[in-house]
Amino acid sequence: MTMDKPGVSDYPLSERQPERLKTPSGLQFTEIDLEAVLAGKIQIKDLRVTSEALEWQAEIAAAAGRRQLAENLRRASELARVPEEKILQIYQMLRPGRASEEALMHAAEELETQFQAFRCAQFVREATRAYFMQGES
């Protein structure tokens, strides 16, 4: 089976398809072990999941009929491309009363244009509409 469309039989990827998984720096997943850590060959970023791996997990969830889980994993796949600082900034902005409607819509546009995080941008737009419509009633 190709990794373009993994199926339920490929789950879990780390056991069924470990040779396909890579770290964000490009190391093979199978190269991560205690010896490599002790030798200093593993960086902290090597312990993070990649956008591709999350998308593959989403495909598996969809194949198993877990539509909502697949959608959550696809949003996570997008967020894996967004710097942590930006995620934390948007998280703070999404707390009620912390940002203007204009600032939140700008954050959504940044997610879309700079990081191709279309699902996450839509999520921020929906939250913004909900926050600011609520105040109008």
N, C-alpha and C. Protein backbone atom coordinates (compact mmCIF):
# COMPACT_ATOMS: atom_id res chain seq x y z
N MET A 1 0.84 -1.18 0.00
CA MET A 1 0.00 0.00 0.00
C MET A 1 0.89 1.24 0.00
N THR A 2 0.55 2.23 -0.82
CA THR A 2 1.32 3.47 -0.84
C THR A 2 0.86 4.37 0.28
N MET A 3 1.70 5.30 0.67
CA MET A 3 1.36 6.20 1.75
C MET A 3 0.50 7.36 1.26
N ASP A 4 0.21 7.43 -0.05
CA ASP A 4 -0.70 8.47 -0.52
C ASP A 4 -2.08 8.26 0.07
N LYS A 5 -2.50 7.04 0.21
CA LYS A 5 -3.81 6.70 0.78
C LYS A 5 -3.68 5.52 1.72
N PRO A 6 -3.13 5.75 2.91
CA PRO A 6 -3.02 4.62 3.84
C PRO A 6 -4.40 4.19 4.32
N GLY A 7 -4.50 2.96 4.72
CA GLY A 7 -5.77 2.43 5.21
C GLY A 7 -5.67 1.94 6.64
N VAL A 8 -6.75 1.41 7.11
CA VAL A 8 -6.84 0.95 8.49
C VAL A 8 -5.75 -0.08 8.80
N SER A 9 -5.41 -0.90 7.83
CA SER A 9 -4.39 -1.93 8.08
C SER A 9 -3.00 -1.35 8.30
N ASP A 10 -2.81 -0.06 8.02
CA ASP A 10 -1.52 0.59 8.23
C ASP A 10 -1.38 1.17 9.64
N TYR A 11 -2.43 1.06 10.44
CA TYR A 11 -2.40 1.61 11.79
C TYR A 11 -1.86 0.59 12.77
N PRO A 12 -1.00 0.95 13.68
CA PRO A 12 -0.33 2.24 13.82
C PRO A 12 0.85 2.36 12.87
N LEU A 13 1.02 3.54 12.32
CA LEU A 13 2.09 3.77 11.35
C LEU A 13 3.47 3.46 11.92
N SER A 14 3.68 3.78 13.18
CA SER A 14 5.00 3.56 13.77
C SER A 14 5.37 2.08 13.83
N GLU A 15 4.38 1.21 13.80
CA GLU A 15 4.65 -0.23 13.81
C GLU A 15 4.51 -0.85 12.43
N ARG A 16 3.55 -0.38 11.65
CA ARG A 16 3.26 -1.01 10.35
C ARG A 16 4.02 -0.37 9.19
N GLN A 17 4.36 0.91 9.32
CA GLN A 17 5.05 1.61 8.24
C GLN A 17 6.18 2.51 8.78
N PRO A 18 6.99 2.03 9.73
CA PRO A 18 8.00 2.92 10.34
C PRO A 18 8.99 3.48 9.33
N GLU A 19 9.27 2.75 8.28
CA GLU A 19 10.24 3.22 7.28
C GLU A 19 9.73 4.44 6.52
N ARG A 20 8.43 4.69 6.54
CA ARG A 20 7.84 5.84 5.84
C ARG A 20 7.88 7.12 6.67
N LEU A 21 8.06 6.97 7.97
CA LEU A 21 8.00 8.13 8.86
C LEU A 21 9.36 8.78 9.02
N LYS A 22 9.35 10.11 8.96
CA LYS A 22 10.57 10.89 9.15
C LYS A 22 10.31 11.97 10.19
N THR A 23 11.39 12.45 10.77
CA THR A 23 11.29 13.54 11.72
C THR A 23 11.26 14.86 10.94
N PRO A 24 10.91 15.96 11.60
CA PRO A 24 10.92 17.25 10.90
C PRO A 24 12.27 17.62 10.29
N SER A 25 13.36 17.12 10.86
CA SER A 25 14.69 17.42 10.29
C SER A 25 15.09 16.42 9.20
N GLY A 26 14.23 15.43 8.95
CA GLY A 26 14.50 14.48 7.87
C GLY A 26 15.08 13.14 8.28
N LEU A 27 15.33 12.95 9.57
CA LEU A 27 15.82 11.65 10.04
C LEU A 27 14.72 10.59 9.90
N GLN A 28 15.12 9.38 9.66
CA GLN A 28 14.17 8.28 9.65
C GLN A 28 13.67 8.05 11.08
N PHE A 29 12.40 7.80 11.22
CA PHE A 29 11.80 7.51 12.52
C PHE A 29 12.56 6.38 13.22
N THR A 30 12.97 5.39 12.45
CA THR A 30 13.66 4.23 13.02
C THR A 30 15.05 4.56 13.55
N GLU A 31 15.57 5.76 13.24
CA GLU A 31 16.89 6.17 13.73
C GLU A 31 16.83 6.76 15.13
N ILE A 32 15.63 7.00 15.64
CA ILE A 32 15.50 7.58 16.97
C ILE A 32 15.55 6.45 17.99
N ASP A 33 16.63 6.45 18.75
CA ASP A 33 16.79 5.48 19.84
C ASP A 33 17.67 6.11 20.91
N LEU A 34 17.83 5.42 22.00
CA LEU A 34 18.59 5.95 23.13
C LEU A 34 20.03 6.25 22.75
N GLU A 35 20.63 5.38 21.95
CA GLU A 35 22.03 5.60 21.53
C GLU A 35 22.16 6.91 20.77
N ALA A 36 21.23 7.17 19.86
CA ALA A 36 21.27 8.40 19.07
C ALA A 36 21.07 9.63 19.96
N VAL A 37 20.19 9.51 20.95
CA VAL A 37 19.97 10.61 21.88
C VAL A 37 21.24 10.88 22.68
N LEU A 38 21.83 9.84 23.23
CA LEU A 38 23.04 9.99 24.04
C LEU A 38 24.21 10.50 23.21
N ALA A 39 24.24 10.18 21.93
CA ALA A 39 25.30 10.64 21.04
C ALA A 39 25.06 12.06 20.55
N GLY A 40 23.91 12.63 20.91
CA GLY A 40 23.61 14.01 20.50
C GLY A 40 23.14 14.14 19.06
N LYS A 41 22.75 13.02 18.45
CA LYS A 41 22.28 13.05 17.06
C LYS A 41 20.82 13.45 16.93
N ILE A 42 20.10 13.43 18.04
CA ILE A 42 18.67 13.75 18.03
C ILE A 42 18.47 15.14 18.63
N GLN A 43 17.77 15.98 17.88
CA GLN A 43 17.41 17.31 18.35
C GLN A 43 15.98 17.28 18.85
N ILE A 44 15.61 18.29 19.63
CA ILE A 44 14.25 18.32 20.18
C ILE A 44 13.23 18.33 19.05
N LYS A 45 13.53 18.98 17.94
CA LYS A 45 12.57 19.02 16.84
C LYS A 45 12.36 17.64 16.21
N ASP A 46 13.31 16.73 16.42
CA ASP A 46 13.16 15.37 15.90
C ASP A 46 12.10 14.57 16.66
N LEU A 47 11.66 15.10 17.80
CA LEU A 47 10.66 14.39 18.59
C LEU A 47 9.25 14.88 18.30
N ARG A 48 9.13 15.77 17.33
CA ARG A 48 7.82 16.30 16.95
C ARG A 48 7.27 15.53 15.75
N VAL A 49 5.97 15.47 15.71
CA VAL A 49 5.31 14.80 14.59
C VAL A 49 5.31 15.74 13.38
N THR A 50 5.34 15.16 12.20
CA THR A 50 5.33 15.97 10.98
C THR A 50 3.91 16.14 10.46
N SER A 51 3.76 17.14 9.64
CA SER A 51 2.48 17.39 8.99
C SER A 51 2.06 16.18 8.15
N GLU A 52 3.01 15.58 7.47
CA GLU A 52 2.71 14.42 6.62
C GLU A 52 2.20 13.24 7.44
N ALA A 53 2.85 12.97 8.56
CA ALA A 53 2.42 11.84 9.40
C ALA A 53 1.01 12.07 9.93
N LEU A 54 0.70 13.31 10.30
CA LEU A 54 -0.66 13.60 10.79
C LEU A 54 -1.68 13.46 9.67
N GLU A 55 -1.31 13.85 8.47
CA GLU A 55 -2.23 13.70 7.34
C GLU A 55 -2.46 12.21 7.06
N TRP A 56 -1.42 11.40 7.16
CA TRP A 56 -1.58 9.95 6.96
C TRP A 56 -2.50 9.38 8.03
N GLN A 57 -2.33 9.85 9.28
CA GLN A 57 -3.20 9.39 10.37
C GLN A 57 -4.65 9.79 10.07
N ALA A 58 -4.83 10.97 9.50
CA ALA A 58 -6.18 11.42 9.13
C ALA A 58 -6.78 10.51 8.07
N GLU A 59 -5.98 10.09 7.12
CA GLU A 59 -6.46 9.17 6.08
C GLU A 59 -6.91 7.84 6.70
N ILE A 60 -6.14 7.38 7.65
CA ILE A 60 -6.49 6.12 8.32
C ILE A 60 -7.79 6.29 9.10
N ALA A 61 -7.91 7.40 9.82
CA ALA A 61 -9.14 7.67 10.58
C ALA A 61 -10.35 7.74 9.65
N ALA A 62 -10.18 8.40 8.51
CA ALA A 62 -11.29 8.51 7.54
C ALA A 62 -11.65 7.12 7.00
N ALA A 63 -10.64 6.31 6.70
CA ALA A 63 -10.90 4.96 6.19
C ALA A 63 -11.63 4.11 7.23
N ALA A 64 -11.41 4.41 8.51
CA ALA A 64 -12.08 3.67 9.59
C ALA A 64 -13.45 4.25 9.92
N GLY A 65 -13.87 5.29 9.16
CA GLY A 65 -15.18 5.89 9.40
C GLY A 65 -15.19 6.89 10.53
N ARG A 66 -14.03 7.33 10.97
CA ARG A 66 -13.92 8.29 12.08
C ARG A 66 -13.74 9.70 11.51
N ARG A 67 -14.80 10.23 10.93
CA ARG A 67 -14.77 11.50 10.20
C ARG A 67 -14.27 12.66 11.06
N GLN A 68 -14.81 12.80 12.28
CA GLN A 68 -14.42 13.92 13.13
C GLN A 68 -12.96 13.82 13.56
N LEU A 69 -12.51 12.63 13.89
CA LEU A 69 -11.11 12.43 14.24
C LEU A 69 -10.22 12.79 13.05
N ALA A 70 -10.62 12.38 11.86
CA ALA A 70 -9.86 12.71 10.65
C ALA A 70 -9.75 14.22 10.47
N GLU A 71 -10.85 14.93 10.68
CA GLU A 71 -10.84 16.38 10.54
C GLU A 71 -9.92 17.02 11.60
N ASN A 72 -9.97 16.54 12.83
CA ASN A 72 -9.08 17.04 13.88
C ASN A 72 -7.62 16.80 13.53
N LEU A 73 -7.31 15.63 13.01
CA LEU A 73 -5.94 15.33 12.61
C LEU A 73 -5.49 16.20 11.44
N ARG A 74 -6.39 16.53 10.55
CA ARG A 74 -6.04 17.41 9.43
C ARG A 74 -5.74 18.83 9.92
N ARG A 75 -6.50 19.30 10.90
CA ARG A 75 -6.17 20.61 11.50
C ARG A 75 -4.81 20.54 12.20
N ALA A 76 -4.56 19.44 12.89
CA ALA A 76 -3.26 19.27 13.56
C ALA A 76 -2.13 19.23 12.52
N SER A 77 -2.39 18.61 11.39
CA SER A 77 -1.41 18.57 10.31
C SER A 77 -1.04 19.97 9.85
N GLU A 78 -2.05 20.83 9.75
CA GLU A 78 -1.79 22.22 9.37
C GLU A 78 -0.99 22.93 10.46
N LEU A 79 -1.37 22.72 11.71
CA LEU A 79 -0.68 23.40 12.81
C LEU A 79 0.77 22.96 12.96
N ALA A 80 1.10 21.78 12.50
CA ALA A 80 2.49 21.31 12.57
C ALA A 80 3.41 22.18 11.73
N ARG A 81 2.84 22.95 10.79
CA ARG A 81 3.63 23.85 9.94
C ARG A 81 3.71 25.27 10.51
N VAL A 82 2.98 25.53 11.59
CA VAL A 82 2.91 26.87 12.17
C VAL A 82 3.87 26.95 13.36
N PRO A 83 4.70 27.99 13.42
CA PRO A 83 5.61 28.11 14.57
C PRO A 83 4.84 28.17 15.89
N GLU A 84 5.44 27.58 16.91
CA GLU A 84 4.80 27.54 18.24
C GLU A 84 4.41 28.92 18.74
N GLU A 85 5.27 29.91 18.51
CA GLU A 85 4.99 31.26 18.98
C GLU A 85 3.70 31.79 18.37
N LYS A 86 3.49 31.52 17.09
CA LYS A 86 2.28 31.98 16.40
C LYS A 86 1.05 31.25 16.96
N ILE A 87 1.17 29.97 17.20
CA ILE A 87 0.05 29.21 17.77
C ILE A 87 -0.32 29.77 19.14
N LEU A 88 0.68 30.02 19.98
CA LEU A 88 0.40 30.56 21.31
C LEU A 88 -0.20 31.96 21.24
N GLN A 89 0.27 32.76 20.29
CA GLN A 89 -0.28 34.11 20.12
C GLN A 89 -1.76 34.03 19.74
N ILE A 90 -2.10 33.17 18.80
CA ILE A 90 -3.50 33.04 18.37
C ILE A 90 -4.34 32.45 19.49
N TYR A 91 -3.78 31.49 20.21
CA TYR A 91 -4.50 30.92 21.35
C TYR A 91 -4.88 32.01 22.34
N GLN A 92 -3.93 32.87 22.67
CA GLN A 92 -4.22 33.97 23.59
C GLN A 92 -5.27 34.91 23.02
N MET A 93 -5.18 35.18 21.74
CA MET A 93 -6.14 36.07 21.08
C MET A 93 -7.55 35.50 21.11
N LEU A 94 -7.67 34.19 21.07
CA LEU A 94 -8.98 33.54 21.03
C LEU A 94 -9.68 33.52 22.39
N ARG A 95 -8.97 33.85 23.43
CA ARG A 95 -9.60 33.93 24.74
C ARG A 95 -10.54 35.13 24.73
N PRO A 96 -11.74 35.00 25.26
CA PRO A 96 -12.72 36.08 25.20
C PRO A 96 -12.17 37.42 25.70
N GLY A 97 -12.43 38.45 24.89
CA GLY A 97 -12.05 39.80 25.26
C GLY A 97 -10.59 40.15 25.07
N ARG A 98 -9.81 39.26 24.47
CA ARG A 98 -8.36 39.50 24.34
C ARG A 98 -7.96 40.17 23.03
N ALA A 99 -8.83 40.11 22.02
CA ALA A 99 -8.46 40.67 20.72
C ALA A 99 -9.69 41.22 20.02
N SER A 100 -9.45 42.15 19.15
CA SER A 100 -10.54 42.73 18.37
C SER A 100 -10.94 41.77 17.24
N GLU A 101 -12.09 42.01 16.71
CA GLU A 101 -12.55 41.22 15.57
C GLU A 101 -11.56 41.34 14.41
N GLU A 102 -11.10 42.55 14.17
CA GLU A 102 -10.14 42.80 13.09
C GLU A 102 -8.84 42.02 13.31
N ALA A 103 -8.34 42.00 14.54
CA ALA A 103 -7.10 41.28 14.84
C ALA A 103 -7.26 39.78 14.64
N LEU A 104 -8.39 39.25 15.05
CA LEU A 104 -8.64 37.81 14.87
C LEU A 104 -8.76 37.46 13.38
N MET A 105 -9.45 38.29 12.63
CA MET A 105 -9.58 38.03 11.19
C MET A 105 -8.22 38.13 10.50
N HIS A 106 -7.38 39.03 10.97
CA HIS A 106 -6.02 39.14 10.44
C HIS A 106 -5.22 37.86 10.77
N ALA A 107 -5.38 37.36 11.97
CA ALA A 107 -4.70 36.12 12.36
C ALA A 107 -5.14 34.97 11.47
N ALA A 108 -6.43 34.91 11.17
CA ALA A 108 -6.94 33.85 10.28
C ALA A 108 -6.32 33.99 8.89
N GLU A 109 -6.22 35.21 8.42
CA GLU A 109 -5.62 35.42 7.09
C GLU A 109 -4.15 35.01 7.08
N GLU A 110 -3.43 35.31 8.16
CA GLU A 110 -2.03 34.88 8.28
C GLU A 110 -1.91 33.36 8.24
N LEU A 111 -2.77 32.68 8.97
CA LEU A 111 -2.75 31.21 8.96
C LEU A 111 -2.92 30.70 7.54
N GLU A 112 -3.83 31.31 6.81
CA GLU A 112 -4.13 30.87 5.46
C GLU A 112 -3.00 31.20 4.48
N THR A 113 -2.53 32.44 4.50
CA THR A 113 -1.57 32.87 3.48
C THR A 113 -0.13 32.48 3.78
N GLN A 114 0.27 32.55 5.04
CA GLN A 114 1.67 32.26 5.37
C GLN A 114 1.94 30.78 5.61
N PHE A 115 0.93 30.06 6.09
CA PHE A 115 1.17 28.67 6.50
C PHE A 115 0.28 27.65 5.79
N GLN A 116 -0.57 28.12 4.88
CA GLN A 116 -1.51 27.24 4.17
C GLN A 116 -2.33 26.40 5.15
N ALA A 117 -2.69 27.01 6.26
CA ALA A 117 -3.49 26.34 7.29
C ALA A 117 -4.95 26.75 7.10
N PHE A 118 -5.55 26.28 6.03
CA PHE A 118 -6.89 26.70 5.62
C PHE A 118 -7.97 26.28 6.61
N ARG A 119 -7.89 25.06 7.11
CA ARG A 119 -8.89 24.59 8.08
C ARG A 119 -8.79 25.38 9.39
N CYS A 120 -7.58 25.62 9.82
CA CYS A 120 -7.38 26.38 11.06
C CYS A 120 -7.83 27.82 10.89
N ALA A 121 -7.58 28.40 9.74
CA ALA A 121 -8.04 29.77 9.46
C ALA A 121 -9.56 29.83 9.52
N GLN A 122 -10.21 28.83 8.95
CA GLN A 122 -11.67 28.78 8.99
C GLN A 122 -12.17 28.65 10.42
N PHE A 123 -11.49 27.86 11.22
CA PHE A 123 -11.84 27.70 12.62
C PHE A 123 -11.77 29.04 13.36
N VAL A 124 -10.70 29.80 13.12
CA VAL A 124 -10.54 31.11 13.76
C VAL A 124 -11.63 32.07 13.29
N ARG A 125 -11.95 32.02 12.01
CA ARG A 125 -13.03 32.89 11.49
C ARG A 125 -14.37 32.54 12.14
N GLU A 126 -14.66 31.25 12.26
CA GLU A 126 -15.92 30.83 12.88
C GLU A 126 -15.98 31.27 14.35
N ALA A 127 -14.87 31.11 15.06
CA ALA A 127 -14.82 31.54 16.46
C ALA A 127 -15.02 33.05 16.56
N THR A 128 -14.39 33.78 15.66
CA THR A 128 -14.51 35.24 15.65
C THR A 128 -15.96 35.66 15.44
N ARG A 129 -16.60 35.05 14.46
CA ARG A 129 -18.01 35.38 14.20
C ARG A 129 -18.86 35.07 15.42
N ALA A 130 -18.62 33.93 16.05
CA ALA A 130 -19.40 33.54 17.24
C ALA A 130 -19.17 34.53 18.38
N TYR A 131 -17.92 34.91 18.61
CA TYR A 131 -17.62 35.85 19.70
C TYR A 131 -18.31 37.18 19.49
N PHE A 132 -18.20 37.70 18.30
CA PHE A 132 -18.67 39.07 18.06
C PHE A 132 -20.16 39.14 17.74
N MET A 133 -20.77 38.08 17.27
CA MET A 133 -22.23 38.04 17.08
C MET A 133 -22.90 37.96 18.45
N GLN A 134 -22.29 37.23 19.37
CA GLN A 134 -22.84 37.06 20.71
C GLN A 134 -22.98 38.41 21.40
N GLY A 135 -22.03 39.29 21.21
CA GLY A 135 -22.07 40.61 21.84
C GLY A 135 -23.12 41.52 21.23
N GLU A 136 -23.57 41.20 20.00
CA GLU A 136 -24.56 42.06 19.34
C GLU A 136 -25.98 41.76 19.75
N SER A 137 -26.24 40.62 20.39
CA SER A 137 -27.63 40.26 20.70
C SER A 137 -28.16 40.94 21.92
